[in-house]
């Protein structure tokens, strides 16, 4: 059952957005959360997201060289703060790509809002 929806510019690369440092973008919403969360719908600016407690993950991939570190907000912590309910997160990117993410995955793995 789909309980809440996160709509954002790019759920996996918020910190890499070229607009992140551009003038005026810190006050424009880049993330909207709707569904079974407290006070939905809720919009967040890049500045608000960057103020949240972050976690550093160290990882490597088959498509990059070496080990990389990413410091971002854990998605499960973000959803706890919103008092999200349900068992599935439906994420929609700016390009209309949609993915269902089981909330159990957020407990098993450190998923960041990077």
Protein backbone atom coordinates (compact mmCIF):
# COMPACT_ATOMS: atom_id res chain seq x y z
CA UNK A 1 0.00 0.00 0.00
CA UNK A 2 1.35 3.42 -0.96
CA UNK A 3 1.10 5.72 1.99
CA UNK A 4 3.23 8.75 1.22
CA UNK A 5 4.86 10.37 -1.75
CA UNK A 6 8.09 12.32 -2.02
CA UNK A 7 8.43 14.54 -5.05
CA UNK A 8 11.81 16.09 -5.61
CA UNK A 9 14.23 17.37 -8.19
CA UNK A 10 16.38 14.30 -7.82
CA UNK A 11 16.13 12.04 -4.81
CA UNK A 12 19.61 10.59 -5.24
CA UNK A 13 21.68 13.67 -6.06
CA UNK A 14 20.33 16.75 -4.30
CA UNK A 15 23.81 17.87 -3.26
CA UNK A 16 25.10 17.60 -6.82
CA UNK A 17 22.53 19.92 -8.32
CA UNK A 18 24.20 22.69 -10.30
CA UNK A 19 21.60 25.09 -8.88
CA UNK A 20 22.55 24.38 -5.28
CA UNK A 21 24.98 27.28 -5.11
CA UNK A 22 23.26 29.57 -7.60
CA UNK A 23 21.89 32.89 -6.38
CA UNK A 24 18.34 32.66 -5.06
CA UNK A 25 18.00 28.87 -5.13
CA UNK A 26 18.46 28.42 -1.37
CA UNK A 27 14.95 29.80 -0.78
CA UNK A 28 13.13 27.92 -3.56
CA UNK A 29 11.50 24.57 -2.73
CA UNK A 30 13.42 21.58 -4.09
CA UNK A 31 11.53 18.83 -2.27
CA UNK A 32 7.83 18.30 -1.64
CA UNK A 33 6.40 15.59 0.62
CA UNK A 34 2.74 14.57 0.47
CA UNK A 35 0.72 11.69 1.85
CA UNK A 36 0.69 10.15 5.31
CA UNK A 37 3.07 12.60 6.99
CA UNK A 38 2.46 15.29 9.60
CA UNK A 39 1.32 18.60 8.07
CA UNK A 40 1.34 17.31 4.46
CA UNK A 41 1.98 18.65 1.94
CA UNK A 42 5.34 20.00 3.09
CA UNK A 43 7.95 21.74 0.94
CA UNK A 44 11.65 22.04 1.75
CA UNK A 45 14.32 24.37 0.40
CA UNK A 46 17.91 23.30 -0.18
CA UNK A 47 18.92 25.38 2.85
CA UNK A 48 16.43 23.54 5.09
CA UNK A 49 17.71 20.16 3.92
CA UNK A 50 21.33 21.20 4.42
CA UNK A 51 20.54 22.22 8.03
CA UNK A 52 19.32 18.72 8.94
CA UNK A 53 21.62 16.29 10.80
CA UNK A 54 23.75 14.41 8.28
CA UNK A 55 25.54 11.07 8.15
CA UNK A 56 28.74 10.29 6.22
CA UNK A 57 28.79 7.13 4.11
CA UNK A 58 31.92 5.70 2.50
CA UNK A 59 31.37 3.57 -0.57
CA UNK A 60 32.65 2.51 -3.98
CA UNK A 61 30.80 1.57 -7.13
CA UNK A 62 31.48 -0.32 -10.35
CA UNK A 63 31.06 2.91 -12.33
CA UNK A 64 33.49 5.12 -10.38
CA UNK A 65 37.15 4.87 -9.43
CA UNK A 66 38.17 4.62 -5.82
CA UNK A 67 36.27 5.14 -2.60
CA UNK A 68 33.97 8.13 -2.16
CA UNK A 69 32.38 9.77 0.87
CA UNK A 70 28.92 11.30 0.88
CA UNK A 71 27.60 13.35 3.79
CA UNK A 72 23.83 13.75 3.65
CA UNK A 73 20.59 13.24 5.56
CA UNK A 74 19.49 9.64 6.12
CA UNK A 75 16.12 9.20 4.45
CA UNK A 76 14.79 7.11 7.37
CA UNK A 77 15.67 9.91 9.84
CA UNK A 78 13.95 12.45 7.59
CA UNK A 79 10.78 10.34 7.50
CA UNK A 80 10.83 9.81 11.27
CA UNK A 81 10.92 13.60 11.75
CA UNK A 82 7.87 13.89 9.47
CA UNK A 83 6.10 11.13 11.43
CA UNK A 84 5.58 9.25 8.17
CA UNK A 85 3.28 6.23 8.19
CA UNK A 86 3.00 3.37 5.77
CA UNK A 87 5.14 0.67 4.22
CA UNK A 88 6.15 2.17 0.86
CA UNK A 89 7.71 5.45 -0.21
CA UNK A 90 6.82 6.57 -3.72
CA UNK A 91 9.57 8.83 -5.06
CA UNK A 92 9.01 10.92 -8.18
CA UNK A 93 11.90 12.75 -9.83
CA UNK A 94 11.69 15.96 -11.85
CA UNK A 95 11.87 13.90 -15.05
CA UNK A 96 8.79 11.92 -13.89
CA UNK A 97 10.81 8.81 -13.04
CA UNK A 98 8.87 7.02 -10.29
CA UNK A 99 10.15 4.34 -7.94
CA UNK A 100 8.54 2.52 -5.02
CA UNK A 101 10.91 2.07 -2.07
CA UNK A 102 9.88 -0.34 0.69
CA UNK A 103 10.34 1.35 4.07
CA UNK A 104 11.95 -1.87 5.27
CA UNK A 105 14.85 -1.09 2.89
CA UNK A 106 15.39 2.21 4.70
CA UNK A 107 15.81 0.29 7.94
CA UNK A 108 18.12 -2.34 6.45
CA UNK A 109 20.31 0.07 4.45
CA UNK A 110 21.66 3.58 4.99
CA UNK A 111 19.82 5.47 2.23
CA UNK A 112 20.80 9.11 2.00
CA UNK A 113 19.15 12.14 0.46
CA UNK A 114 22.26 12.95 -1.54
